[in-house]
Amino acid sequence: MRAQSEVSSVPRRAVPGGVLGRDVATLAHRDRVQLPVTTFPFEPLADRVWGLHPTT
């Protein structure tokens, strides 16, 4: 799922930037994998989500 891979990319990118140590990022990744997540179709909300986007 795209959302899950996006969430996983945050700690992965934080390691080279020095924001997180590899051990902490690994723990965050493992916790994320074990976290039960319910996803919903995006399409019914797409227009509303876009409407909340700043238009500058």
N, C-alpha and C. Protein backbone atom coordinates (compact mmCIF):
# COMPACT_ATOMS: atom_id res chain seq x y z
N MET A 1 0.83 -1.19 0.00
CA MET A 1 0.00 0.00 0.00
C MET A 1 0.87 1.25 0.00
N ARG A 2 0.46 2.19 -0.76
CA ARG A 2 1.25 3.42 -0.92
C ARG A 2 1.41 4.18 0.39
N ALA A 3 0.34 4.33 1.16
CA ALA A 3 0.44 5.10 2.41
C ALA A 3 1.42 4.45 3.37
N GLN A 4 1.40 3.14 3.43
CA GLN A 4 2.31 2.44 4.33
C GLN A 4 3.76 2.62 3.89
N SER A 5 3.99 2.58 2.59
CA SER A 5 5.37 2.79 2.13
C SER A 5 5.82 4.22 2.36
N GLU A 6 4.90 5.17 2.26
CA GLU A 6 5.24 6.57 2.53
C GLU A 6 5.62 6.74 3.99
N VAL A 7 4.88 6.12 4.89
CA VAL A 7 5.19 6.21 6.31
C VAL A 7 6.55 5.58 6.59
N SER A 8 6.83 4.46 5.95
CA SER A 8 8.11 3.79 6.16
C SER A 8 9.29 4.60 5.64
N SER A 9 9.05 5.47 4.68
CA SER A 9 10.15 6.25 4.12
C SER A 9 10.64 7.34 5.06
N VAL A 10 9.82 7.75 6.01
CA VAL A 10 10.22 8.84 6.91
C VAL A 10 11.43 8.45 7.76
N PRO A 11 11.37 7.35 8.52
CA PRO A 11 12.59 7.01 9.29
C PRO A 11 13.76 6.62 8.39
N ARG A 12 13.47 6.04 7.23
CA ARG A 12 14.55 5.65 6.32
C ARG A 12 15.33 6.89 5.87
N ARG A 13 14.62 7.98 5.57
CA ARG A 13 15.30 9.21 5.14
C ARG A 13 15.94 9.95 6.31
N ALA A 14 15.44 9.71 7.52
CA ALA A 14 15.97 10.43 8.68
C ALA A 14 17.33 9.92 9.12
N VAL A 15 17.67 8.69 8.76
CA VAL A 15 18.97 8.12 9.17
C VAL A 15 20.13 8.84 8.49
N PRO A 16 20.17 8.94 7.16
CA PRO A 16 21.31 9.63 6.54
C PRO A 16 21.39 11.11 6.92
N GLY A 17 20.23 11.70 7.24
CA GLY A 17 20.22 13.11 7.63
C GLY A 17 20.66 13.33 9.07
N GLY A 18 20.86 12.23 9.80
CA GLY A 18 21.31 12.35 11.18
C GLY A 18 20.21 12.68 12.16
N VAL A 19 18.97 12.66 11.71
CA VAL A 19 17.85 12.97 12.59
C VAL A 19 17.56 11.80 13.53
N LEU A 20 17.69 10.57 13.00
CA LEU A 20 17.51 9.35 13.78
C LEU A 20 18.71 8.45 13.62
N GLY A 21 19.01 7.73 14.67
CA GLY A 21 20.02 6.68 14.55
C GLY A 21 19.39 5.48 13.87
N ARG A 22 20.22 4.63 13.30
CA ARG A 22 19.70 3.45 12.60
C ARG A 22 18.91 2.55 13.54
N ASP A 23 19.34 2.42 14.80
CA ASP A 23 18.63 1.55 15.73
C ASP A 23 17.22 2.07 16.02
N VAL A 24 17.09 3.37 16.20
CA VAL A 24 15.77 3.96 16.46
C VAL A 24 14.88 3.85 15.22
N ALA A 25 15.45 4.08 14.06
CA ALA A 25 14.68 3.96 12.81
C ALA A 25 14.21 2.52 12.60
N THR A 26 15.06 1.56 12.93
CA THR A 26 14.69 0.16 12.81
C THR A 26 13.54 -0.18 13.75
N LEU A 27 13.59 0.31 14.98
CA LEU A 27 12.49 0.09 15.92
C LEU A 27 11.20 0.73 15.42
N ALA A 28 11.30 1.93 14.89
CA ALA A 28 10.11 2.60 14.35
C ALA A 28 9.52 1.81 13.20
N HIS A 29 10.38 1.29 12.35
CA HIS A 29 9.91 0.49 11.22
C HIS A 29 9.21 -0.78 11.71
N ARG A 30 9.81 -1.46 12.66
CA ARG A 30 9.19 -2.69 13.19
C ARG A 30 7.86 -2.39 13.85
N ASP A 31 7.79 -1.30 14.61
CA ASP A 31 6.52 -0.92 15.23
C ASP A 31 5.47 -0.64 14.17
N ARG A 32 5.86 0.06 13.12
CA ARG A 32 4.91 0.38 12.04
C ARG A 32 4.39 -0.87 11.37
N VAL A 33 5.25 -1.85 11.14
CA VAL A 33 4.83 -3.09 10.49
C VAL A 33 3.80 -3.83 11.35
N GLN A 34 3.95 -3.76 12.65
CA GLN A 34 3.05 -4.48 13.56
C GLN A 34 1.77 -3.71 13.87
N LEU A 35 1.72 -2.45 13.55
CA LEU A 35 0.56 -1.62 13.86
C LEU A 35 -0.60 -1.94 12.93
N PRO A 36 -1.74 -2.33 13.50
CA PRO A 36 -2.89 -2.59 12.64
C PRO A 36 -3.45 -1.27 12.09
N VAL A 37 -3.60 -1.21 10.80
CA VAL A 37 -4.08 0.01 10.15
C VAL A 37 -5.24 -0.34 9.24
N THR A 38 -6.30 0.43 9.33
CA THR A 38 -7.44 0.28 8.43
C THR A 38 -7.37 1.39 7.41
N THR A 39 -7.39 1.05 6.15
CA THR A 39 -7.37 2.07 5.10
C THR A 39 -8.75 2.20 4.48
N PHE A 40 -9.00 3.35 3.92
CA PHE A 40 -10.27 3.65 3.29
C PHE A 40 -10.00 4.15 1.88
N PRO A 41 -10.95 3.99 0.97
CA PRO A 41 -10.75 4.50 -0.38
C PRO A 41 -10.52 6.01 -0.36
N PHE A 42 -9.58 6.46 -1.15
CA PHE A 42 -9.23 7.87 -1.21
C PHE A 42 -10.19 8.67 -2.09
N GLU A 43 -10.67 8.05 -3.13
CA GLU A 43 -11.45 8.77 -4.14
C GLU A 43 -12.62 9.57 -3.56
N PRO A 44 -13.42 9.04 -2.61
CA PRO A 44 -14.53 9.86 -2.09
C PRO A 44 -14.07 11.14 -1.38
N LEU A 45 -12.83 11.17 -0.92
CA LEU A 45 -12.32 12.32 -0.18
C LEU A 45 -11.39 13.20 -1.01
N ALA A 46 -11.05 12.78 -2.21
CA ALA A 46 -10.03 13.44 -3.00
C ALA A 46 -10.31 14.93 -3.22
N ASP A 47 -11.51 15.28 -3.60
CA ASP A 47 -11.83 16.69 -3.86
C ASP A 47 -11.71 17.53 -2.59
N ARG A 48 -12.17 16.99 -1.48
CA ARG A 48 -12.08 17.73 -0.21
C ARG A 48 -10.63 17.91 0.20
N VAL A 49 -9.82 16.86 0.06
CA VAL A 49 -8.41 16.96 0.40
C VAL A 49 -7.75 18.03 -0.44
N TRP A 50 -8.03 18.03 -1.73
CA TRP A 50 -7.43 19.04 -2.61
C TRP A 50 -7.92 20.44 -2.24
N GLY A 51 -9.19 20.54 -1.83
CA GLY A 51 -9.73 21.84 -1.43
C GLY A 51 -9.04 22.41 -0.20
N LEU A 52 -8.49 21.58 0.63
CA LEU A 52 -7.79 22.04 1.83
C LEU A 52 -6.36 22.46 1.53
N HIS A 53 -5.89 22.19 0.33
CA HIS A 53 -4.52 22.53 -0.07
C HIS A 53 -4.41 24.04 -0.24
N PRO A 54 -3.38 24.65 0.33
CA PRO A 54 -3.24 26.10 0.14
C PRO A 54 -3.01 26.45 -1.33
N THR A 55 -3.63 27.49 -1.77
CA THR A 55 -3.51 27.90 -3.17
C THR A 55 -2.72 29.20 -3.25
N THR A 56 -1.41 29.08 -3.04
CA THR A 56 -0.57 30.28 -3.11
C THR A 56 0.32 30.22 -4.32
